[in-house]
Amino acid sequence: MTKLSDIPSDLSVDGHSRRLFLQQTSAVTAGVLAGMILPGSVLASLAPKTPQRGGHLILGIDNASSSDRIDPAFYFEQYMYHIGRQLFNTLTELDDDGSLKPGLAVEWTPRQQGAQWLFTLRDGVTFHNGKTLAAADVVYSLNHHRKEDSQSAVRGYMSQVTGIEAVDNKQVVITLHSPNVDFPFLLAEVNFAITAAGEDFDKGIGTGPYVLERFEPGVRTLTSRNKDYWKSDRAFVDSVETLAFNDSAARVAALLSGAVHFINRVPHGVVSRLETARSVQVHRNPGSFQVTFPGLADREPFSNPDVRLALKYALDREQLLKSLVNGYGEVANDSPIFPTNRYFTRDLPQHAYDPDKALFHWKKSGHSKEIVLSAAEGASFDGAVSAAEIYRQSAIKAGIPFRVNRVPADGYWSEVWRNHAFCASGWSNRPTADAYLSMVNLSDAPWNESRWQSSALDQLIIAARSELDEERRRQIYHDIQLLYNQEGSTVVPLYIDSVSGSAANVQGHFNVPGEVATRVVERLWLEA
């Protein structure tokens, strides 16, 4: 019997299966174009395909690190998001249209106008160690992020929680210090994974579609199908191997050669080439990544409002869109909300490239020292250094002294981000406006990357959480965006389409709006 650990890491896609698939696809396409009357056997092949079980799925994912941990409190980037979704489940999940659906909880009921939530758990769910899911597991797992010394990536979300209690074996009550009508959406984040009470999260014992076999931080992860998975229509392959491919060119080469079945973050410069390659499929998720250039508002020069405005007018955003991502995205206008969100507004003062306005505010600020923008290739987003250089060129044309500080990618998030006065950064979309604002923009948010502290913004964010009237809520989010646009110390120039790629015989891929941590692995299957 072959063991999962015996499978080589360079296992390639079955070339014969791919050729057969392509031959059938080409024949059907040619027949349709020629107006042929197709035989029944070919017409049958056009019907929705039934997922097939079996096979070894290989992923090539970026942002892996030797310091990665299975513990979801320490998930910060895509590689561990993918691993977390293989091993764990959350109380709630996002449906295909971005709406909320049951996960480990089958229902949730608001109390006290949304200041308290009662969650009822699903029956018949077991952990990888055989233990049955119970309320105590949820209490233990969520409190993991609330410890006083917690370094959890989502501790900011949990700052609004005042208590988590088990009512009985199947119900959990979560109490907040103020109403939040979107709170159940937050619990769909992969960081809020559920493990068995008392277990070490780093053991990876969850209720998810796959079971941990081997974890080599920064190298690869092996998992095998959970035969007792509670979703009968998911987890189709026998095993998954997730390889660390931090280099974008290497990821693309691995996909084209057949060494992997799926890659994330396809560089936009090669998308058109992949779209013409018969051996792969390209998947676009429009506007799902936001490019940011945060300036630290608590130090010079970004403590000066006119410096902030000068730098917003000093960037040629149209040129950045064209040169950085070949048009795969859209120009942003310094709003913290994504265009796919229902509260996004385009009714804001436009910060198009305007050298005259940039120079006006620069001179008004009285600042004369050189602006230094730190960037690293492969850290925040592909092409970050090139983007910084485009920024430099347009700022200098406006009369603003500007220099790019190219720094190493290693240690970027611990040594550069939130430490250097001005740097390149970026964020993936979140399921709700509050999910992003609470993580990045509240004054005391752990990931407040610009360190901008605004009591007015804080009050608006908290007010929006509890507002039940849709029109008033929409107005509050409009005011949040206007305040951020005019006074914030972060330049937001682009929304980028996230692009992934898969082999031609990989089926089941689907992009879920607002889902930062993809659940795609449990849906993928290999066509024989």
Protein backbone atom coordinates (compact mmCIF):
# COMPACT_ATOMS: atom_id res chain seq x y z
CA MET A 1 0.00 0.00 0.00
CA THR A 2 1.40 3.39 -1.01
CA LYS A 3 1.78 5.85 1.84
CA LEU A 4 1.14 9.55 1.37
CA SER A 5 4.69 10.28 2.48
CA ASP A 6 6.00 8.12 -0.38
CA ILE A 7 4.50 10.35 -3.05
CA PRO A 8 7.26 12.48 -4.63
CA SER A 9 6.93 16.25 -4.42
CA ASP A 10 7.55 16.64 -8.17
CA LEU A 11 4.66 14.40 -9.25
CA SER A 12 3.30 15.78 -12.55
CA VAL A 13 -0.17 15.97 -13.97
CA ASP A 14 -1.25 12.93 -15.97
CA GLY A 15 -0.36 14.06 -19.49
CA HIS A 16 -2.53 11.41 -21.18
CA SER A 17 -5.61 12.56 -19.29
CA ARG A 18 -4.90 16.17 -20.18
CA ARG A 19 -4.42 15.34 -23.87
CA LEU A 20 -7.67 13.38 -23.94
CA PHE A 21 -9.51 16.27 -22.29
CA LEU A 22 -8.09 18.78 -24.75
CA GLN A 23 -8.88 16.59 -27.75
CA GLN A 24 -12.50 16.27 -26.64
CA THR A 25 -12.79 20.00 -25.92
CA SER A 26 -11.28 20.95 -29.28
CA ALA A 27 -13.60 18.58 -31.12
CA VAL A 28 -16.68 19.99 -29.44
CA THR A 29 -15.61 23.59 -30.06
CA ALA A 30 -14.86 22.91 -33.71
CA GLY A 31 -18.19 21.17 -34.15
CA VAL A 32 -20.16 24.04 -32.70
CA LEU A 33 -18.32 26.61 -34.78
CA ALA A 34 -18.92 24.65 -37.94
CA GLY A 35 -22.63 24.26 -37.22
CA MET A 36 -22.32 20.48 -37.02
CA ILE A 37 -25.06 18.25 -35.66
CA LEU A 38 -23.24 16.64 -32.77
CA PRO A 39 -23.81 13.01 -31.79
CA GLY A 40 -25.53 12.24 -28.49
CA SER A 41 -22.32 11.04 -26.87
CA VAL A 42 -20.65 14.41 -27.49
CA LEU A 43 -23.72 16.37 -26.39
CA ALA A 44 -23.72 14.37 -23.17
CA SER A 45 -20.17 15.52 -22.50
CA LEU A 46 -21.40 19.13 -22.48
CA ALA A 47 -23.68 18.49 -19.50
CA PRO A 48 -22.54 19.56 -16.00
CA LYS A 49 -19.79 17.22 -14.92
CA THR A 50 -20.11 14.94 -11.93
CA PRO A 51 -17.11 15.28 -9.60
CA GLN A 52 -14.81 12.28 -9.60
CA ARG A 53 -13.08 11.07 -6.46
CA GLY A 54 -9.45 10.13 -6.13
CA GLY A 55 -6.04 11.39 -7.10
CA HIS A 56 -3.25 13.44 -5.58
CA LEU A 57 -3.74 17.23 -5.89
CA ILE A 58 -0.64 19.45 -5.90
CA LEU A 59 -0.84 23.17 -5.13
CA GLY A 60 1.86 25.83 -5.61
CA ILE A 61 1.17 28.65 -3.15
CA ASP A 62 3.15 31.76 -2.25
CA ASN A 63 3.97 33.62 0.98
CA ALA A 64 5.26 30.57 2.81
CA SER A 65 7.81 31.01 5.58
CA SER A 66 10.02 28.84 7.76
CA SER A 67 8.29 30.47 10.74
CA ASP A 68 4.79 29.36 9.66
CA ARG A 69 2.61 27.59 12.22
CA ILE A 70 -0.54 25.47 12.01
CA ASP A 71 -2.05 27.58 14.80
CA PRO A 72 -4.61 29.86 13.05
CA ALA A 73 -3.79 32.72 15.40
CA PHE A 74 -0.61 33.08 13.34
CA TYR A 75 -2.11 33.01 9.84
CA PHE A 76 -1.05 36.17 8.06
CA GLU A 77 -0.71 35.16 4.42
CA GLN A 78 -1.98 32.93 1.62
CA TYR A 79 0.07 29.79 2.18
CA MET A 80 -1.23 29.17 5.69
CA TYR A 81 -4.73 30.30 4.71
CA HIS A 82 -4.79 27.39 2.26
CA ILE A 83 -3.51 24.97 4.89
CA GLY A 84 -6.01 26.20 7.46
CA ARG A 85 -8.93 25.61 5.09
CA GLN A 86 -7.78 22.05 4.51
CA LEU A 87 -7.64 21.18 8.21
CA PHE A 88 -10.30 23.24 9.94
CA ASN A 89 -13.84 24.56 9.70
CA THR A 90 -15.44 27.72 11.09
CA LEU A 91 -18.85 28.36 12.64
CA THR A 92 -20.07 30.21 9.56
CA GLU A 93 -19.02 30.20 5.90
CA LEU A 94 -19.50 32.33 2.81
CA ASP A 95 -21.79 30.97 0.12
CA ASP A 96 -20.92 31.22 -3.58
CA ASP A 97 -22.55 34.68 -3.82
CA GLY A 98 -20.75 36.01 -0.73
CA SER A 99 -23.77 35.65 1.56
CA LEU A 100 -23.49 33.88 4.90
CA LYS A 101 -24.32 30.19 5.27
CA PRO A 102 -24.05 27.59 8.03
CA GLY A 103 -20.71 26.00 8.83
CA LEU A 104 -20.20 24.19 12.11
CA ALA A 105 -23.13 26.27 13.37
CA VAL A 106 -26.49 25.54 11.73
CA GLU A 107 -28.10 28.75 12.95
CA TRP A 108 -27.33 31.97 14.82
CA THR A 109 -29.82 34.19 16.59
CA PRO A 110 -29.26 37.84 17.57
CA ARG A 111 -30.20 39.06 21.02
CA GLN A 112 -30.10 42.53 22.53
CA GLN A 113 -30.22 44.09 19.04
CA GLY A 114 -27.08 42.26 18.00
CA ALA A 115 -25.05 42.76 21.18
CA GLN A 116 -25.38 39.05 21.89
CA TRP A 117 -25.47 36.04 19.56
CA LEU A 118 -26.67 32.49 20.18
CA PHE A 119 -25.04 29.84 17.95
CA THR A 120 -26.47 26.34 17.61
CA LEU A 121 -23.97 23.68 16.54
CA ARG A 122 -24.29 21.03 13.86
CA ASP A 123 -24.91 17.42 14.93
CA GLY A 124 -22.72 14.51 13.91
CA VAL A 125 -19.45 16.37 13.32
CA THR A 126 -16.25 14.70 14.50
CA PHE A 127 -12.69 15.93 14.82
CA HIS A 128 -9.79 14.17 13.14
CA ASN A 129 -9.05 12.45 16.46
CA GLY A 130 -12.58 11.01 16.65
CA LYS A 131 -13.98 13.41 19.25
CA THR A 132 -17.50 14.75 18.61
CA LEU A 133 -17.91 18.51 18.21
CA ALA A 134 -19.36 20.21 21.30
CA ALA A 135 -19.92 23.71 22.64
CA ALA A 136 -16.83 23.49 24.87
CA ASP A 137 -14.67 23.17 21.73
CA VAL A 138 -16.04 26.43 20.33
CA VAL A 139 -15.54 28.28 23.62
CA TYR A 140 -11.96 27.01 23.86
CA SER A 141 -11.11 27.81 20.23
CA LEU A 142 -12.51 31.35 20.16
CA ASN A 143 -11.05 32.26 23.54
CA HIS A 144 -7.66 31.28 22.11
CA HIS A 145 -7.62 34.71 20.43
CA ARG A 146 -8.71 36.63 23.55
CA LYS A 147 -5.88 35.81 25.92
CA GLU A 148 -4.21 38.82 27.46
CA ASP A 149 -0.87 37.97 25.88
CA SER A 150 -2.39 36.85 22.57
CA GLN A 151 -0.53 37.76 19.40
CA SER A 152 -3.41 36.54 17.26
CA ALA A 153 -3.93 38.12 13.85
CA VAL A 154 -7.63 38.52 14.71
CA ARG A 155 -7.32 39.70 18.28
CA GLY A 156 -8.67 43.05 17.09
CA TYR A 157 -11.91 41.39 16.04
CA MET A 158 -12.27 39.82 19.47
CA SER A 159 -11.73 43.08 21.35
CA GLN A 160 -15.48 43.70 21.02
CA VAL A 161 -16.27 40.37 22.76
CA THR A 162 -16.96 40.47 26.51
CA GLY A 163 -17.86 36.83 27.02
CA ILE A 164 -18.16 33.40 25.36
CA GLU A 165 -20.17 30.76 27.21
CA ALA A 166 -21.59 27.30 26.54
CA VAL A 167 -25.34 27.19 27.22
CA ASP A 168 -25.36 23.42 26.86
CA ASN A 169 -23.51 20.87 24.75
CA LYS A 170 -24.85 22.29 21.48
CA GLN A 171 -25.27 26.03 22.03
CA VAL A 172 -22.83 28.89 22.58
CA VAL A 173 -23.61 32.50 23.53
CA ILE A 174 -21.20 35.26 22.51
CA THR A 175 -21.70 38.66 24.16
CA LEU A 176 -20.33 41.92 22.70
CA HIS A 177 -19.82 45.28 24.40
CA SER A 178 -22.05 46.88 21.73
CA PRO A 179 -24.29 45.66 18.89
CA ASN A 180 -22.68 44.32 15.71
CA VAL A 181 -25.15 43.08 13.13
CA ASP A 182 -22.30 41.67 10.99
CA PHE A 183 -20.59 39.72 13.76
CA PRO A 184 -21.45 36.23 12.38
CA PHE A 185 -19.62 37.16 9.16
CA LEU A 186 -16.40 37.65 11.11
CA LEU A 187 -16.50 34.09 12.37
CA ALA A 188 -16.21 32.83 8.78
CA GLU A 189 -12.55 33.98 8.74
CA VAL A 190 -10.15 31.01 8.64
CA ASN A 191 -8.39 32.33 11.75
CA PHE A 192 -11.49 31.42 13.76
CA ALA A 193 -10.95 27.73 13.10
CA ILE A 194 -12.33 25.28 15.64
CA THR A 195 -10.20 22.60 17.30
CA ALA A 196 -10.99 20.20 20.15
CA ALA A 197 -11.01 21.69 23.66
CA GLY A 198 -7.62 21.47 25.33
CA GLU A 199 -5.77 20.55 22.14
CA ASP A 200 -2.67 22.29 20.84
CA PHE A 201 -3.75 24.10 17.65
CA ASP A 202 -0.36 23.32 16.12
CA LYS A 203 -1.34 19.63 15.95
CA GLY A 204 -3.87 20.58 13.25
CA ILE A 205 -6.74 18.59 14.73
CA GLY A 206 -9.83 20.03 13.11
CA THR A 207 -13.08 18.95 11.49
CA GLY A 208 -11.93 19.96 8.00
CA PRO A 209 -11.87 18.07 4.69
CA TYR A 210 -8.28 16.88 5.03
CA VAL A 211 -6.12 15.45 7.82
CA LEU A 212 -2.58 16.62 8.52
CA GLU A 213 0.12 14.09 7.56
CA ARG A 214 3.27 16.21 7.38
CA PHE A 215 4.09 19.89 7.86
CA GLU A 216 7.43 21.30 6.73
CA PRO A 217 7.26 25.08 7.32
CA GLY A 218 8.31 27.05 4.28
CA VAL A 219 8.62 23.88 2.17
CA ARG A 220 5.52 21.73 1.84
CA THR A 221 2.48 20.31 3.60
CA LEU A 222 0.83 16.92 3.06
CA THR A 223 -2.77 16.12 3.96
CA SER A 224 -5.07 13.16 3.30
CA ARG A 225 -8.83 13.04 2.79
CA ASN A 226 -10.96 13.02 5.92
CA LYS A 227 -13.14 9.93 5.37
CA ASP A 228 -15.59 11.18 8.02
CA TYR A 229 -15.97 14.70 6.62
CA TRP A 230 -19.42 16.07 7.35
CA LYS A 231 -19.81 17.54 3.84
CA SER A 232 -20.60 14.68 1.51
CA ASP A 233 -20.25 16.91 -1.58
CA ARG A 234 -16.71 18.09 -0.84
CA ALA A 235 -13.16 16.70 -0.40
CA PHE A 236 -12.86 14.71 -3.63
CA VAL A 237 -9.14 13.97 -3.92
CA ASP A 238 -7.34 11.37 -1.82
CA SER A 239 -4.50 13.67 -0.82
CA VAL A 240 -3.24 17.22 -1.17
CA GLU A 241 0.34 18.41 -1.36
CA THR A 242 0.82 22.16 -0.88
CA LEU A 243 4.23 23.30 -2.07
CA ALA A 244 5.84 26.62 -1.14
CA PHE A 245 6.41 28.67 -4.31
CA ASN A 246 7.24 32.21 -3.22
CA ASP A 247 8.77 33.08 -6.58
CA SER A 248 6.03 34.00 -9.06
CA ALA A 249 8.01 32.93 -12.13
CA ALA A 250 8.69 29.53 -10.55
CA ARG A 251 4.97 29.10 -9.77
CA VAL A 252 3.98 29.77 -13.37
CA ALA A 253 6.70 27.46 -14.70
CA ALA A 254 5.54 24.69 -12.37
CA LEU A 255 1.97 25.02 -13.66
CA LEU A 256 2.99 25.06 -17.32
CA SER A 257 5.27 22.04 -16.87
CA GLY A 258 2.56 20.03 -15.10
CA ALA A 259 4.50 19.84 -11.81
CA VAL A 260 1.51 21.36 -9.96
CA HIS A 261 -2.23 21.40 -10.57
CA PHE A 262 -3.05 24.84 -9.14
CA ILE A 263 -1.23 28.10 -8.36
CA ASN A 264 -2.32 31.33 -6.74
CA ARG A 265 -1.33 34.91 -7.60
CA VAL A 266 -0.48 34.59 -11.25
CA PRO A 267 1.63 37.65 -12.24
CA HIS A 268 -0.51 39.95 -14.36
CA GLY A 269 2.23 40.25 -16.96
CA VAL A 270 1.78 36.61 -17.99
CA VAL A 271 -2.01 36.31 -17.73
CA SER A 272 -2.57 36.84 -21.45
CA ARG A 273 0.01 34.17 -22.22
CA LEU A 274 -1.68 31.67 -19.92
CA GLU A 275 -5.08 32.46 -21.40
CA THR A 276 -3.83 31.15 -24.75
CA ALA A 277 -2.20 28.05 -23.27
CA ARG A 278 -4.38 25.00 -23.89
CA SER A 279 -2.94 23.11 -20.92
CA VAL A 280 -4.14 25.53 -18.24
CA GLN A 281 -7.17 27.47 -17.05
CA VAL A 282 -7.10 31.05 -15.75
CA HIS A 283 -9.40 32.22 -12.94
CA ARG A 284 -9.93 35.95 -12.33
CA ASN A 285 -11.38 37.41 -9.15
CA PRO A 286 -12.06 41.09 -10.04
CA GLY A 287 -10.91 43.84 -7.69
CA SER A 288 -10.21 41.50 -4.81
CA PHE A 289 -6.85 42.93 -3.74
CA GLN A 290 -6.16 46.49 -2.62
CA VAL A 291 -2.74 48.11 -3.06
CA THR A 292 -1.84 50.48 -0.21
CA PHE A 293 1.03 52.82 0.61
CA PRO A 294 0.63 53.59 4.33
CA GLY A 295 2.43 56.60 5.77
CA LEU A 296 2.88 56.59 9.56
CA ALA A 297 0.57 59.32 10.80
CA ASP A 298 2.25 59.58 14.19
CA ARG A 299 5.57 60.85 12.80
CA GLU A 300 6.91 63.33 10.30
CA PRO A 301 6.23 63.91 7.50
CA PHE A 302 2.86 62.10 7.53
CA SER A 303 1.63 63.81 10.66
CA ASN A 304 1.17 66.77 8.31
CA PRO A 305 -2.23 66.67 6.46
CA ASP A 306 -0.86 68.58 3.48
CA VAL A 307 1.92 66.03 2.96
CA ARG A 308 -0.74 63.33 2.84
CA LEU A 309 -2.75 65.20 0.21
CA ALA A 310 0.37 66.07 -1.78
CA LEU A 311 1.28 62.40 -2.07
CA LYS A 312 -2.25 61.40 -3.03
CA TYR A 313 -2.14 63.82 -5.99
CA ALA A 314 1.48 62.93 -6.80
CA LEU A 315 0.86 59.35 -7.99
CA ASP A 316 -0.08 58.62 -11.60
CA ARG A 317 -2.64 55.91 -10.87
CA GLU A 318 -3.55 55.29 -14.50
CA GLN A 319 0.08 54.64 -15.32
CA LEU A 320 0.36 52.34 -12.32
CA LEU A 321 -2.69 50.36 -13.48
CA LYS A 322 -1.25 49.95 -16.96
CA SER A 323 2.36 49.22 -16.03
CA LEU A 324 1.91 47.15 -12.87
CA VAL A 325 -1.03 44.87 -13.73
CA ASN A 326 -1.61 45.37 -17.47
CA GLY A 327 -5.05 46.77 -16.76
CA TYR A 328 -6.21 43.79 -14.67
CA GLY A 329 -7.90 45.93 -12.05
CA GLU A 330 -9.19 49.46 -11.60
CA VAL A 331 -7.95 52.77 -10.27
CA ALA A 332 -8.80 53.36 -6.60
CA ASN A 333 -9.45 56.69 -4.91
CA ASP A 334 -8.18 56.31 -1.34
CA SER A 335 -11.20 54.48 0.06
CA PRO A 336 -10.80 51.61 2.54
CA ILE A 337 -13.80 49.72 1.13
CA PHE A 338 -13.64 47.40 -1.89
CA PRO A 339 -15.75 48.05 -5.01
CA THR A 340 -17.57 44.71 -4.67
CA ASN A 341 -18.95 45.79 -1.29
CA ARG A 342 -22.49 47.14 -1.33
CA TYR A 343 -21.44 50.21 0.66
CA PHE A 344 -18.66 51.24 -1.69
CA THR A 345 -19.11 54.74 -3.08
CA ARG A 346 -17.56 56.50 -6.05
CA ASP A 347 -18.94 59.83 -4.84
CA LEU A 348 -15.64 61.07 -3.38
CA PRO A 349 -13.23 63.90 -4.31
CA GLN A 350 -11.04 62.44 -7.03
CA HIS A 351 -7.30 62.15 -6.45
CA ALA A 352 -6.26 61.78 -10.07
CA TYR A 353 -2.67 62.63 -10.91
CA ASP A 354 -2.37 66.42 -10.61
CA PRO A 355 1.21 67.74 -10.35
CA ASP A 356 0.01 71.29 -9.64
CA LYS A 357 -2.18 70.27 -6.69
CA ALA A 358 0.53 67.95 -5.43
CA LEU A 359 3.11 70.74 -5.44
CA PHE A 360 0.64 73.21 -3.89
CA HIS A 361 0.04 70.98 -0.85
CA TRP A 362 3.73 70.06 -0.66
CA LYS A 363 4.75 73.71 -0.42
CA LYS A 364 1.90 74.44 1.99
CA SER A 365 3.15 71.67 4.30
CA GLY A 366 6.50 73.42 4.71
CA HIS A 367 8.21 70.05 4.42
CA SER A 368 11.32 69.88 2.25
CA LYS A 369 13.10 66.64 3.10
CA GLU A 370 13.08 63.72 0.68
CA ILE A 371 10.16 61.26 0.85
CA VAL A 372 11.46 57.69 1.20
CA LEU A 373 9.20 54.79 0.14
CA SER A 374 10.33 51.32 1.23
CA ALA A 375 9.37 48.32 -0.90
CA ALA A 376 10.43 44.69 -1.31
CA GLU A 377 9.84 42.41 -4.26
CA GLY A 378 7.62 39.46 -3.36
CA ALA A 379 6.57 40.78 0.05
CA SER A 380 3.42 42.90 -0.20
CA PHE A 381 2.45 42.27 -3.84
CA ASP A 382 4.10 41.29 -7.11
CA GLY A 383 5.83 44.27 -8.66
CA ALA A 384 5.95 46.32 -5.45
CA VAL A 385 9.39 47.74 -6.27
CA SER A 386 8.31 48.65 -9.80
CA ALA A 387 5.19 50.30 -8.38
CA ALA A 388 7.35 52.33 -6.00
CA GLU A 389 9.52 53.42 -8.91
CA ILE A 390 6.46 54.59 -10.88
CA TYR A 391 5.42 56.55 -7.78
CA ARG A 392 8.90 58.12 -7.59
CA GLN A 393 8.86 59.21 -11.22
CA SER A 394 5.44 60.87 -11.04
CA ALA A 395 6.21 62.55 -7.70
CA ILE A 396 9.49 63.99 -8.99
CA LYS A 397 7.65 65.39 -12.02
CA ALA A 398 5.40 67.15 -9.55
CA GLY A 399 8.39 68.70 -7.82
CA ILE A 400 8.43 66.44 -4.74
CA PRO A 401 11.82 64.93 -3.79
CA PHE A 402 11.30 61.19 -3.64
CA ARG A 403 13.48 58.09 -3.23
CA VAL A 404 12.75 54.36 -3.35
CA ASN A 405 14.33 52.27 -0.61
CA ARG A 406 14.53 48.69 -1.86
CA VAL A 407 14.61 46.35 1.14
CA PRO A 408 14.77 42.53 1.51
CA ALA A 409 11.53 40.57 1.48
CA ASP A 410 12.74 38.49 4.42
CA GLY A 411 11.59 40.17 7.60
CA TYR A 412 9.55 42.79 5.72
CA TRP A 413 6.45 42.45 7.90
CA SER A 414 8.36 42.56 11.18
CA GLU A 415 11.03 45.15 10.37
CA VAL A 416 9.64 47.43 7.64
CA TRP A 417 5.84 47.44 7.76
CA ARG A 418 4.59 49.76 10.55
CA ASN A 419 8.21 50.70 11.26
CA HIS A 420 9.39 52.61 8.19
CA ALA A 421 7.63 55.94 7.66
CA PHE A 422 6.30 54.98 4.20
CA CYS A 423 6.09 51.52 2.64
CA ALA A 424 4.26 49.31 0.14
CA SER A 425 1.49 47.09 1.44
CA GLY A 426 -1.76 45.49 0.34
CA TRP A 427 -4.90 43.70 1.52
CA SER A 428 -7.24 41.05 0.23
CA ASN A 429 -10.98 41.63 0.29
CA ARG A 430 -13.03 40.81 3.40
CA PRO A 431 -16.63 39.58 3.65
CA THR A 432 -17.95 42.85 5.12
CA ALA A 433 -16.89 46.47 5.32
CA ASP A 434 -16.58 46.21 9.09
CA ALA A 435 -14.30 43.17 8.84
CA TYR A 436 -11.69 45.24 7.03
CA LEU A 437 -12.20 48.48 8.96
CA SER A 438 -12.00 46.76 12.34
CA MET A 439 -8.79 45.00 11.42
CA VAL A 440 -6.93 47.89 9.75
CA ASN A 441 -8.52 51.25 10.50
CA LEU A 442 -9.68 51.47 14.11
CA SER A 443 -7.21 53.44 16.21
CA ASP A 444 -6.42 50.43 18.40
CA ALA A 445 -6.60 47.82 15.62
CA PRO A 446 -3.57 45.48 15.79
CA TRP A 447 -2.99 45.90 12.05
CA ASN A 448 -3.51 49.66 11.88
CA GLU A 449 -0.75 49.96 9.31
CA SER A 450 -0.68 53.77 9.13
CA ARG A 451 -1.03 54.24 12.90
CA TRP A 452 -3.60 56.93 12.11
CA GLN A 453 -5.71 57.53 15.23
CA SER A 454 -8.98 59.29 14.54
CA SER A 455 -11.74 59.40 17.17
CA ALA A 456 -14.15 60.54 14.45
CA LEU A 457 -13.37 57.48 12.34
CA ASP A 458 -13.63 55.17 15.35
CA GLN A 459 -17.08 56.52 16.22
CA LEU A 460 -18.30 56.06 12.66
CA ILE A 461 -17.01 52.46 12.42
CA ILE A 462 -18.68 51.49 15.70
CA ALA A 463 -21.91 53.30 14.76
CA ALA A 464 -22.10 51.46 11.43
CA ARG A 465 -21.88 48.10 13.19
CA SER A 466 -25.07 48.61 15.14
CA GLU A 467 -27.16 50.55 12.62
CA LEU A 468 -30.16 48.50 11.47
CA ASP A 469 -31.62 51.09 9.11
CA GLU A 470 -30.03 50.38 5.72
CA GLU A 471 -30.08 53.93 4.41
CA ARG A 472 -28.56 55.39 7.57
CA ARG A 473 -25.94 52.64 7.54
CA ARG A 474 -25.08 53.39 3.93
CA GLN A 475 -24.63 57.08 4.81
CA ILE A 476 -22.30 56.21 7.69
CA TYR A 477 -20.10 54.10 5.41
CA HIS A 478 -20.10 56.94 2.89
CA ASP A 479 -18.88 59.30 5.61
CA ILE A 480 -16.18 56.80 6.62
CA GLN A 481 -14.86 56.71 3.07
CA LEU A 482 -14.97 60.49 2.73
CA LEU A 483 -13.03 60.98 5.96
CA TYR A 484 -10.45 58.38 4.96
CA ASN A 485 -10.16 59.93 1.49
CA GLN A 486 -9.55 63.44 2.80
CA GLU A 487 -7.62 62.93 6.04
CA GLY A 488 -6.21 59.41 6.06
CA SER A 489 -2.45 58.90 5.78
CA THR A 490 -2.69 55.88 3.46
CA VAL A 491 -2.59 56.19 -0.32
CA VAL A 492 -4.87 53.57 -1.94
CA PRO A 493 -4.22 53.72 -5.71
CA LEU A 494 -5.46 50.38 -7.12
CA TYR A 495 -7.85 47.49 -6.77
CA ILE A 496 -6.20 44.51 -8.43
CA ASP A 497 -7.83 41.42 -9.95
CA SER A 498 -6.51 38.33 -8.17
CA VAL A 499 -5.62 35.69 -10.75
CA SER A 500 -5.03 31.99 -10.16
CA GLY A 501 -4.32 29.18 -12.59
CA SER A 502 -5.02 25.48 -12.78
CA ALA A 503 -4.31 22.53 -15.04
CA ALA A 504 -6.91 21.74 -17.69
CA ASN A 505 -8.07 18.60 -15.88
CA VAL A 506 -8.75 20.41 -12.59
CA GLN A 507 -12.46 21.02 -12.04
CA GLY A 508 -14.57 22.67 -9.33
CA HIS A 509 -12.82 26.03 -9.00
CA PHE A 510 -14.98 28.95 -7.88
CA ASN A 511 -14.17 32.44 -6.57
CA VAL A 512 -16.29 33.51 -3.61
CA PRO A 513 -16.72 37.31 -3.27
CA GLY A 514 -15.14 38.63 -0.08
CA GLU A 515 -13.40 35.41 0.89
CA VAL A 516 -9.80 36.23 1.76
CA ALA A 517 -8.89 32.67 2.68
CA THR A 518 -9.94 30.44 -0.16
CA ARG A 519 -11.92 27.28 0.51
CA VAL A 520 -11.22 26.18 -3.06
CA VAL A 521 -9.27 23.05 -2.08
CA GLU A 522 -12.28 21.18 -0.76
CA ARG A 523 -14.09 21.78 -4.07
CA LEU A 524 -11.35 20.78 -6.53
CA TRP A 525 -11.35 17.41 -8.27
CA LEU A 526 -9.24 15.82 -10.97
CA GLU A 527 -10.86 14.73 -14.21
CA ALA A 528 -9.54 11.39 -15.33
